[in-house]
C-alpha atoms as a PDB file:
ATOM      1  CA  MET A   1     -63.437 218.733 -65.321  1.00  0.00           C
ATOM      2  CA  THR A   2     -60.190 218.736 -67.219  1.00  0.00           C
ATOM      3  CA  ARG A   3     -57.678 220.003 -64.703  1.00  0.00           C
ATOM      4  CA  PRO A   4     -56.259 218.321 -61.603  1.00  0.00           C
ATOM      5  CA  LEU A   5     -56.777 219.455 -58.062  1.00  0.00           C
ATOM      6  CA  PRO A   6     -54.997 222.773 -57.412  1.00  0.00           C
ATOM      7  CA  ASP A   7     -51.985 222.511 -55.157  1.00  0.00           C
ATOM      8  CA  LEU A   8     -52.695 221.821 -51.482  1.00  0.00           C
ATOM      9  CA  SER A   9     -49.393 222.682 -49.885  1.00  0.00           C
ATOM     10  CA  PRO A  10     -48.913 221.257 -46.374  1.00  0.00           C
ATOM     11  CA  LEU A  11     -50.250 223.397 -43.538  1.00  0.00           C
ATOM     12  CA  ASP A  12     -49.310 223.288 -39.876  1.00  0.00           C
ATOM     13  CA  LEU A  13     -52.704 222.228 -38.575  1.00  0.00           C
ATOM     14  CA  GLU A  14     -51.603 221.423 -35.056  1.00  0.00           C
ATOM     15  CA  THR A  15     -50.117 224.773 -34.053  1.00  0.00           C
ATOM     16  CA  ASP A  16     -52.463 227.119 -35.865  1.00  0.00           C
ATOM     17  CA  PRO A  17     -55.835 225.441 -36.431  1.00  0.00           C
ATOM     18  CA  LYS A  18     -57.768 228.684 -36.896  1.00  0.00           C
ATOM     19  CA  GLY A  19     -55.235 230.167 -39.286  1.00  0.00           C
ATOM     20  CA  CYS A  20     -54.914 227.024 -41.348  1.00  0.00           C
ATOM     21  CA  CYS A  21     -58.683 226.712 -41.752  1.00  0.00           C
ATOM     22  CA  ALA A  22     -58.955 230.308 -42.898  1.00  0.00           C
ATOM     23  CA  ARG A  23     -56.116 229.878 -45.407  1.00  0.00           C
ATOM     24  CA  LEU A  24     -57.410 226.583 -46.729  1.00  0.00           C
ATOM     25  CA  TYR A  25     -60.991 227.768 -47.183  1.00  0.00           C
ATOM     26  CA  GLU A  26     -59.867 230.806 -49.148  1.00  0.00           C
ATOM     27  CA  SER A  27     -57.633 228.645 -51.366  1.00  0.00           C
ATOM     28  CA  ASP A  28     -58.307 227.838 -55.006  1.00  0.00           C
ATOM     29  CA  ALA A  29     -58.119 224.135 -54.146  1.00  0.00           C
ATOM     30  CA  VAL A  30     -61.070 224.145 -51.747  1.00  0.00           C
ATOM     31  CA  ARG A  31     -63.128 226.413 -54.001  1.00  0.00           C
ATOM     32  CA  TRP A  32     -62.538 223.940 -56.847  1.00  0.00           C
ATOM     33  CA  LEU A  33     -63.451 220.984 -54.667  1.00  0.00           C
ATOM     34  CA  LEU A  34     -66.652 222.584 -53.395  1.00  0.00           C
ATOM     35  CA  ASP A  35     -67.509 224.086 -56.794  1.00  0.00           C
ATOM     36  CA  GLY A  36     -68.097 227.496 -55.208  1.00  0.00           C
ATOM     37  CA  GLU A  37     -70.701 226.264 -52.682  1.00  0.00           C
ATOM     38  CA  LEU A  38     -68.825 226.619 -49.407  1.00  0.00           C
ATOM     39  CA  HIS A  39     -71.471 225.178 -47.120  1.00  0.00           C
ATOM     40  CA  PRO A  40     -74.149 222.493 -47.498  1.00  0.00           C
ATOM     41  CA  GLY A  41     -77.340 223.664 -49.164  1.00  0.00           C
ATOM     42  CA  GLY A  42     -75.818 226.873 -50.505  1.00  0.00           C
ATOM     43  CA  ASP A  43     -78.121 229.869 -50.815  1.00  0.00           C
ATOM     44  CA  ARG A  44     -81.206 227.727 -50.222  1.00  0.00           C
ATOM     45  CA  LEU A  45     -80.190 226.862 -46.660  1.00  0.00           C
ATOM     46  CA  THR A  46     -78.965 230.412 -46.072  1.00  0.00           C
ATOM     47  CA  HIS A  47     -82.495 231.594 -46.907  1.00  0.00           C
ATOM     48  CA  ARG A  48     -83.892 228.978 -44.563  1.00  0.00           C
ATOM     49  CA  LEU A  49     -81.561 229.979 -41.713  1.00  0.00           C
ATOM     50  CA  ALA A  50     -82.476 233.641 -42.202  1.00  0.00           C
ATOM     51  CA  GLY A  51     -86.140 232.690 -41.977  1.00  0.00           C
ATOM     52  CA  LEU A  52     -85.675 230.647 -38.808  1.00  0.00           C
ATOM     53  CA  ALA A  53     -83.779 233.553 -37.250  1.00  0.00           C
ATOM     54  CA  GLY A  54     -86.492 235.994 -38.243  1.00  0.00           C
ATOM     55  CA  ILE A  55     -84.054 238.304 -40.003  1.00  0.00           C
ATOM     56  CA  GLU A  56     -86.047 241.340 -41.084  1.00  0.00           C
ATOM     57  CA  ARG A  57     -85.506 243.897 -43.790  1.00  0.00           C
ATOM     58  CA  GLY A  58     -82.992 246.526 -42.791  1.00  0.00           C
ATOM     59  CA  GLN A  59     -81.610 244.758 -39.716  1.00  0.00           C
ATOM     60  CA  ARG A  60     -77.934 244.905 -38.780  1.00  0.00           C
ATOM     61  CA  VAL A  61     -76.294 241.486 -39.193  1.00  0.00           C
ATOM     62  CA  LEU A  62     -72.824 240.227 -38.303  1.00  0.00           C
ATOM     63  CA  ASP A  63     -71.689 237.379 -40.580  1.00  0.00           C
ATOM     64  CA  ILE A  64     -68.950 235.516 -38.701  1.00  0.00           C
ATOM     65  CA  ALA A  65     -66.351 233.621 -40.768  1.00  0.00           C
ATOM     66  CA  CYS A  66     -67.962 235.180 -43.833  1.00  0.00           C
ATOM     67  CA  GLY A  67     -65.484 233.780 -46.363  1.00  0.00           C
ATOM     68  CA  SER A  68     -65.732 235.554 -49.694  1.00  0.00           C
ATOM     69  CA  GLY A  69     -69.009 237.172 -48.674  1.00  0.00           C
ATOM     70  CA  ALA A  70     -71.762 235.172 -50.414  1.00  0.00           C
ATOM     71  CA  THR A  71     -74.152 235.180 -47.439  1.00  0.00           C
ATOM     72  CA  ALA A  72     -73.483 238.799 -46.493  1.00  0.00           C
ATOM     73  CA  LEU A  73     -74.150 239.897 -50.066  1.00  0.00           C
ATOM     74  CA  LEU A  74     -77.334 237.813 -50.235  1.00  0.00           C
ATOM     75  CA  LEU A  75     -78.724 239.438 -47.071  1.00  0.00           C
ATOM     76  CA  ALA A  76     -77.725 242.918 -48.214  1.00  0.00           C
ATOM     77  CA  ARG A  77     -79.189 242.413 -51.678  1.00  0.00           C
ATOM     78  CA  GLU A  78     -82.425 240.580 -50.874  1.00  0.00           C
ATOM     79  CA  LEU A  79     -83.309 241.923 -47.411  1.00  0.00           C
ATOM     80  CA  GLU A  80     -81.517 245.276 -47.578  1.00  0.00           C
ATOM     81  CA  CYS A  81     -79.753 244.366 -44.337  1.00  0.00           C
ATOM     82  CA  GLU A  82     -76.740 246.291 -43.132  1.00  0.00           C
ATOM     83  CA  VAL A  83     -74.179 243.505 -42.959  1.00  0.00           C
ATOM     84  CA  VAL A  84     -70.660 243.326 -41.576  1.00  0.00           C
ATOM     85  CA  GLY A  85     -68.656 240.261 -42.562  1.00  0.00           C
ATOM     86  CA  VAL A  86     -65.639 239.197 -40.527  1.00  0.00           C
ATOM     87  CA  ASP A  87     -63.133 236.486 -41.444  1.00  0.00           C
ATOM     88  CA  LEU A  88     -59.630 235.513 -40.397  1.00  0.00           C
ATOM     89  CA  GLY A  89     -58.532 235.101 -44.015  1.00  0.00           C
ATOM     90  CA  ALA A  90     -57.177 238.287 -45.578  1.00  0.00           C
ATOM     91  CA  ARG A  91     -57.523 236.930 -49.101  1.00  0.00           C
ATOM     92  CA  ALA A  92     -61.149 235.975 -48.481  1.00  0.00           C
ATOM     93  CA  ILE A  93     -61.870 239.508 -47.258  1.00  0.00           C
ATOM     94  CA  GLU A  94     -60.241 240.968 -50.377  1.00  0.00           C
ATOM     95  CA  GLN A  95     -62.465 238.736 -52.510  1.00  0.00           C
ATOM     96  CA  ALA A  96     -65.548 239.758 -50.532  1.00  0.00           C
ATOM     97  CA  VAL A  97     -64.769 243.471 -50.891  1.00  0.00           C
ATOM     98  CA  ALA A  98     -64.336 243.006 -54.643  1.00  0.00           C
ATOM     99  CA  ALA A  99     -67.625 241.096 -54.886  1.00  0.00           C
ATOM    100  CA  ALA A 100     -69.446 243.856 -52.971  1.00  0.00           C
ATOM    101  CA  GLY A 101     -68.050 246.426 -55.372  1.00  0.00           C
ATOM    102  CA  ALA A 102     -69.070 244.389 -58.403  1.00  0.00           C
ATOM    103  CA  ALA A 103     -72.601 244.084 -56.995  1.00  0.00           C
ATOM    104  CA  ALA A 104     -72.754 247.805 -56.108  1.00  0.00           C
ATOM    105  CA  LEU A 105     -73.519 246.911 -52.480  1.00  0.00           C
ATOM    106  CA  GLU A 106     -70.722 248.825 -50.738  1.00  0.00           C
ATOM    107  CA  GLY A 107     -73.298 251.015 -49.005  1.00  0.00           C
ATOM    108  CA  ARG A 108     -74.944 248.066 -47.257  1.00  0.00           C
ATOM    109  CA  VAL A 109     -72.104 245.648 -46.578  1.00  0.00           C
ATOM    110  CA  ARG A 110     -68.524 245.890 -45.407  1.00  0.00           C
ATOM    111  CA  PHE A 111     -65.890 243.274 -44.653  1.00  0.00           C
ATOM    112  CA  VAL A 112     -63.072 243.206 -42.104  1.00  0.00           C
ATOM    113  CA  VAL A 113     -60.332 240.798 -41.100  1.00  0.00           C
ATOM    114  CA  GLY A 114     -60.960 239.530 -37.591  1.00  0.00           C
ATOM    115  CA  ASP A 115     -61.098 236.652 -35.140  1.00  0.00           C
ATOM    116  CA  ALA A 116     -64.477 235.207 -34.095  1.00  0.00           C
ATOM    117  CA  GLU A 117     -63.106 234.619 -30.606  1.00  0.00           C
ATOM    118  CA  GLU A 118     -62.108 238.281 -30.244  1.00  0.00           C
ATOM    119  CA  LEU A 119     -64.584 240.407 -32.167  1.00  0.00           C
ATOM    120  CA  ARG A 120     -63.574 244.058 -32.477  1.00  0.00           C
ATOM    121  CA  PHE A 121     -67.085 245.469 -32.319  1.00  0.00           C
ATOM    122  CA  ALA A 122     -68.994 247.416 -29.710  1.00  0.00           C
ATOM    123  CA  ASP A 123     -71.436 245.750 -27.350  1.00  0.00           C
ATOM    124  CA  ALA A 124     -75.029 245.234 -28.538  1.00  0.00           C
ATOM    125  CA  GLY A 125     -74.325 246.621 -32.002  1.00  0.00           C
ATOM    126  CA  PHE A 126     -76.097 243.953 -34.080  1.00  0.00           C
ATOM    127  CA  ASP A 127     -79.583 242.497 -34.373  1.00  0.00           C
ATOM    128  CA  VAL A 128     -78.293 239.100 -35.505  1.00  0.00           C
ATOM    129  CA  ALA A 129     -75.002 237.195 -35.305  1.00  0.00           C
ATOM    130  CA  LEU A 130     -74.856 234.516 -37.992  1.00  0.00           C
ATOM    131  CA  SER A 131     -72.291 231.732 -38.377  1.00  0.00           C
ATOM    132  CA  GLU A 132     -72.449 229.177 -41.186  1.00  0.00           C
ATOM    133  CA  CYS A 133     -70.283 226.052 -41.150  1.00  0.00           C
ATOM    134  CA  SER A 134     -67.657 227.708 -38.961  1.00  0.00           C
ATOM    135  CA  LEU A 135     -68.373 227.252 -35.240  1.00  0.00           C
ATOM    136  CA  CYS A 136     -67.236 223.640 -35.604  1.00  0.00           C
ATOM    137  CA  THR A 137     -63.759 224.861 -36.586  1.00  0.00           C
ATOM    138  CA  PHE A 138     -63.293 227.308 -33.687  1.00  0.00           C
ATOM    139  CA  PRO A 139     -60.989 225.911 -30.975  1.00  0.00           C
ATOM    140  CA  ASP A 140     -62.783 227.843 -28.204  1.00  0.00           C
ATOM    141  CA  LYS A 141     -66.480 227.573 -29.010  1.00  0.00           C
ATOM    142  CA  ARG A 142     -67.615 228.985 -25.672  1.00  0.00           C
ATOM    143  CA  ARG A 143     -65.570 232.116 -26.214  1.00  0.00           C
ATOM    144  CA  ALA A 144     -66.899 232.520 -29.756  1.00  0.00           C
ATOM    145  CA  ILE A 145     -70.494 232.254 -28.497  1.00  0.00           C
ATOM    146  CA  ALA A 146     -69.682 234.651 -25.662  1.00  0.00           C
ATOM    147  CA  GLU A 147     -68.440 237.163 -28.227  1.00  0.00           C
ATOM    148  CA  MET A 148     -71.607 236.729 -30.299  1.00  0.00           C
ATOM    149  CA  THR A 149     -73.601 237.289 -27.112  1.00  0.00           C
ATOM    150  CA  ARG A 150     -71.706 240.488 -26.356  1.00  0.00           C
ATOM    151  CA  VAL A 151     -72.204 242.094 -29.765  1.00  0.00           C
ATOM    152  CA  VAL A 152     -75.905 241.192 -30.215  1.00  0.00           C
ATOM    153  CA  ARG A 153     -78.575 243.452 -28.708  1.00  0.00           C
ATOM    154  CA  PRO A 154     -80.730 242.002 -25.890  1.00  0.00           C
ATOM    155  CA  ALA A 155     -83.703 241.171 -28.149  1.00  0.00           C
ATOM    156  CA  GLY A 156     -81.488 239.882 -30.962  1.00  0.00           C
ATOM    157  CA  THR A 157     -80.815 236.452 -32.414  1.00  0.00           C
ATOM    158  CA  ILE A 158     -77.943 234.038 -32.941  1.00  0.00           C
ATOM    159  CA  ALA A 159     -78.224 231.898 -36.068  1.00  0.00           C
ATOM    160  CA  ILE A 160     -75.937 228.906 -36.605  1.00  0.00           C
ATOM    161  CA  ALA A 161     -75.676 226.399 -39.446  1.00  0.00           C
ATOM    162  CA  ASP A 162     -73.097 223.713 -38.844  1.00  0.00           C
ATOM    163  CA  VAL A 163     -71.849 220.192 -39.252  1.00  0.00           C
ATOM    164  CA  THR A 164     -72.989 217.945 -36.422  1.00  0.00           C
ATOM    165  CA  ALA A 165     -71.103 214.892 -35.208  1.00  0.00           C
ATOM    166  CA  ASP A 166     -71.071 212.104 -32.677  1.00  0.00           C
ATOM    167  CA  LEU A 167     -67.309 212.291 -32.150  1.00  0.00           C
ATOM    168  CA  ASN A 168     -67.175 209.086 -30.118  1.00  0.00           C
ATOM    169  CA  ALA A 169     -68.595 207.159 -33.075  1.00  0.00           C
ATOM    170  CA  LEU A 170     -66.202 208.581 -35.691  1.00  0.00           C
ATOM    171  CA  PRO A 171     -63.037 206.754 -36.813  1.00  0.00           C
ATOM    172  CA  ALA A 172     -59.790 208.286 -35.611  1.00  0.00           C
ATOM    173  CA  GLN A 173     -59.004 209.645 -39.078  1.00  0.00           C
ATOM    174  CA  LEU A 174     -62.100 211.869 -38.936  1.00  0.00           C
ATOM    175  CA  ARG A 175     -60.979 213.271 -35.596  1.00  0.00           C
ATOM    176  CA  SER A 176     -57.498 214.206 -36.803  1.00  0.00           C
ATOM    177  CA  ALA A 177     -56.032 217.631 -37.537  1.00  0.00           C
ATOM    178  CA  ALA A 178     -56.400 216.937 -41.249  1.00  0.00           C
ATOM    179  CA  ALA A 179     -60.140 216.390 -40.774  1.00  0.00           C
ATOM    180  CA  ARG A 180     -60.528 219.642 -38.809  1.00  0.00           C
ATOM    181  CA  VAL A 181     -60.499 221.669 -42.017  1.00  0.00           C
ATOM    182  CA  ALA A 182     -63.314 219.478 -43.344  1.00  0.00           C
ATOM    183  CA  CYS A 183     -65.513 220.754 -40.470  1.00  0.00           C
ATOM    184  CA  VAL A 184     -65.563 217.303 -38.882  1.00  0.00           C
ATOM    185  CA  ALA A 185     -62.833 216.804 -36.295  1.00  0.00           C
ATOM    186  CA  ASP A 186     -64.234 219.198 -33.672  1.00  0.00           C
ATOM    187  CA  ALA A 187     -67.897 219.313 -34.665  1.00  0.00           C
ATOM    188  CA  ARG A 188     -70.506 218.678 -31.960  1.00  0.00           C
ATOM    189  CA  SER A 189     -73.981 217.202 -31.897  1.00  0.00           C
ATOM    190  CA  ALA A 190     -76.955 219.526 -32.335  1.00  0.00           C
ATOM    191  CA  ASP A 191     -77.772 218.950 -28.664  1.00  0.00           C
ATOM    192  CA  GLU A 192     -74.252 220.021 -27.669  1.00  0.00           C
ATOM    193  CA  TYR A 193     -74.463 223.189 -29.754  1.00  0.00           C
ATOM    194  CA  ALA A 194     -77.814 223.921 -28.102  1.00  0.00           C
ATOM    195  CA  SER A 195     -76.260 223.323 -24.684  1.00  0.00           C
ATOM    196  CA  LEU A 196     -73.405 225.739 -25.452  1.00  0.00           C
ATOM    197  CA  LEU A 197     -75.978 228.361 -26.425  1.00  0.00           C
ATOM    198  CA  ARG A 198     -78.045 227.778 -23.276  1.00  0.00           C
ATOM    199  CA  ASP A 199     -74.925 228.084 -21.120  1.00  0.00           C
ATOM    200  CA  ALA A 200     -74.414 231.536 -22.675  1.00  0.00           C
ATOM    201  CA  GLY A 201     -77.991 232.587 -21.951  1.00  0.00           C
ATOM    202  CA  TRP A 202     -79.687 231.668 -25.242  1.00  0.00           C
ATOM    203  CA  GLU A 203     -82.689 229.424 -25.848  1.00  0.00           C
ATOM    204  CA  PRO A 204     -82.849 227.632 -29.213  1.00  0.00           C
ATOM    205  CA  VAL A 205     -86.216 228.378 -30.824  1.00  0.00           C
ATOM    206  CA  ALA A 206     -85.600 226.238 -33.915  1.00  0.00           C
ATOM    207  CA  ILE A 207     -83.360 223.266 -34.658  1.00  0.00           C
ATOM    208  CA  GLU A 208     -83.594 221.645 -38.088  1.00  0.00           C
ATOM    209  CA  THR A 209     -81.533 218.798 -39.518  1.00  0.00           C
ATOM    210  CA  HIS A 210     -80.463 218.827 -43.159  1.00  0.00           C
ATOM    211  CA  ASP A 211     -78.200 215.787 -43.357  1.00  0.00           C
ATOM    212  CA  ASP A 212     -79.026 215.148 -47.026  1.00  0.00           C
ATOM    213  CA  ASP A 213     -77.473 218.488 -47.950  1.00  0.00           C
ATOM    214  CA  LEU A 214     -74.236 217.498 -46.240  1.00  0.00           C
ATOM    215  CA  ARG A 215     -74.269 214.168 -48.042  1.00  0.00           C
ATOM    216  CA  GLY A 216     -74.806 215.927 -51.366  1.00  0.00           C
ATOM    217  CA  MET A 217     -71.816 218.176 -50.752  1.00  0.00           C
ATOM    218  CA  VAL A 218     -69.545 215.313 -49.714  1.00  0.00           C
ATOM    219  CA  ASP A 219     -70.698 213.302 -52.748  1.00  0.00           C
ATOM    220  CA  ARG A 220     -69.585 216.147 -55.019  1.00  0.00           C
ATOM    221  CA  VAL A 221     -66.241 216.487 -53.225  1.00  0.00           C
ATOM    222  CA  GLU A 222     -65.653 212.734 -53.419  1.00  0.00           C
ATOM    223  CA  ALA A 223     -66.316 212.756 -57.175  1.00  0.00           C
ATOM    224  CA  ARG A 224     -63.866 215.598 -57.761  1.00  0.00           C
ATOM    225  CA  LEU A 225     -61.196 213.959 -55.636  1.00  0.00           C
ATOM    226  CA  ARG A 226     -61.498 210.758 -57.670  1.00  0.00           C
ATOM    227  CA  VAL A 227     -60.852 212.768 -60.831  1.00  0.00           C
ATOM    228  CA  ALA A 228     -57.977 214.645 -59.146  1.00  0.00           C
ATOM    229  CA  ARG A 229     -56.329 211.388 -58.080  1.00  0.00           C
ATOM    230  CA  MET A 230     -56.595 209.993 -61.602  1.00  0.00           C
ATOM    231  CA  LEU A 231     -55.276 213.117 -63.323  1.00  0.00           C
ATOM    232  CA  SER A 232     -52.464 213.973 -60.911  1.00  0.00           C
ATOM    233  CA  PRO A 233     -48.998 212.596 -61.723  1.00  0.00           C
ATOM    234  CA  PRO A 234     -47.426 210.213 -59.205  1.00  0.00           C
ATOM    235  CA  GLY A 235     -46.056 212.015 -56.194  1.00  0.00           C
ATOM    236  CA  GLU A 236     -47.139 214.326 -53.413  1.00  0.00           C
ATOM    237  CA  GLN A 237     -50.108 215.822 -55.268  1.00  0.00           C
ATOM    238  CA  ARG A 238     -51.646 212.404 -55.950  1.00  0.00           C
ATOM    239  CA  ASP A 239     -50.944 211.326 -52.379  1.00  0.00           C
ATOM    240  CA  ARG A 240     -52.786 214.376 -51.046  1.00  0.00           C
ATOM    241  CA  ALA A 241     -55.770 213.665 -53.272  1.00  0.00           C
ATOM    242  CA  ALA A 242     -55.792 210.019 -52.187  1.00  0.00           C
ATOM    243  CA  GLU A 243     -55.691 210.949 -48.491  1.00  0.00           C
ATOM    244  CA  ALA A 244     -58.508 213.462 -48.920  1.00  0.00           C
ATOM    245  CA  LEU A 245     -60.523 210.898 -50.898  1.00  0.00           C
ATOM    246  CA  SER A 246     -60.190 208.425 -48.051  1.00  0.00           C
ATOM    247  CA  LEU A 247     -61.505 211.029 -45.594  1.00  0.00           C
ATOM    248  CA  ALA A 248     -64.415 211.873 -47.899  1.00  0.00           C
ATOM    249  CA  ARG A 249     -65.429 208.218 -48.136  1.00  0.00           C
ATOM    250  CA  MET A 250     -65.250 207.839 -44.367  1.00  0.00           C
ATOM    251  CA  ALA A 251     -67.409 210.944 -44.013  1.00  0.00           C
ATOM    252  CA  LEU A 252     -70.016 209.517 -46.402  1.00  0.00           C
ATOM    253  CA  ASP A 253     -70.140 206.309 -44.377  1.00  0.00           C
ATOM    254  CA  ALA A 254     -70.553 208.341 -41.179  1.00  0.00           C
ATOM    255  CA  ILE A 255     -73.436 210.345 -42.683  1.00  0.00           C
ATOM    256  CA  VAL A 256     -75.191 207.125 -43.695  1.00  0.00           C
ATOM    257  CA  ARG A 257     -74.769 205.780 -40.146  1.00  0.00           C
ATOM    258  CA  GLY A 258     -76.127 209.020 -38.690  1.00  0.00           C
ATOM    259  CA  ASP A 259     -72.837 209.943 -37.013  1.00  0.00           C
ATOM    260  CA  LEU A 260     -72.383 213.085 -39.152  1.00  0.00           C
ATOM    261  CA  GLY A 261     -75.048 215.569 -40.175  1.00  0.00           C
ATOM    262  CA  TYR A 262     -75.910 219.218 -40.680  1.00  0.00           C
ATOM    263  CA  ALA A 263     -78.187 221.411 -38.584  1.00  0.00           C
ATOM    264  CA  LEU A 264     -79.652 224.899 -38.561  1.00  0.00           C
ATOM    265  CA  ILE A 265     -80.156 226.488 -35.141  1.00  0.00           C
ATOM    266  CA  ALA A 266     -81.768 229.818 -34.270  1.00  0.00           C
ATOM    267  CA  ALA A 267     -81.662 231.057 -30.668  1.00  0.00           C
ATOM    268  CA  ARG A 268     -83.048 233.991 -28.737  1.00  0.00           C
ATOM    269  CA  ARG A 269     -81.868 235.356 -25.429  1.00  0.00           C
ATOM    270  CA  MET A 270     -83.534 233.744 -22.433  1.00  0.00           C
ATOM    271  CA  GLY A 271     -86.236 235.938 -20.951  1.00  0.00           C
ATOM    272  CA  CYS A 272     -86.702 237.997 -24.125  1.00  0.00           C
END
């Protein structure tokens, strides 16, 4: 690594949490920090989540908060699924469309700008709704799950991979607006995610913890932030790197204590 952290210009996290998360996660800075792996476990845990959800060849899948389309393209390429990716970030969608074209997968996957809490799709149009490392960032989680429920057919599946947290045990800094974009500030425990699903009429059929994958990701971020702090000249850029480094170290401590983790959850509609 020979270059400093790309610019992280200040974002108004308090008034537009959804918009800021979308903009930050499509930024060059976050892609550099995460080294292109935008959720713990990368493709390996995406394969695992697909297996837990029973995603079958040729099924119609909605990838919510799809980012630049890695998961949607994987499902289209390896399982020949018909995938629609939706994300609030216009730049991320542009990147996803370009990636689909480069992979010659335009016939199986398409990408649209949209809000997870107000999906612009017909009722019961998908076999699976999938959300990786994103439900924790949605301000209205019940509404997002209600929208997933609406667009998935009665015998379909919801598949979630997300950061888990015991918010009461976290230091205040990890519950701040700045920590929201790190998928921490409004994360819930696996039991709470399961409860939200049950309230919407879904029964979790599989819940797996993969805390080591979260720790591995935060370890990599922490290492890059240390380099960024050293290489950045004195001033705002170094201050940003130092603040983010402090959050990363707190997150590592919380993972060791068991207050932060990562879980995969697959759920089917009750009575089906």
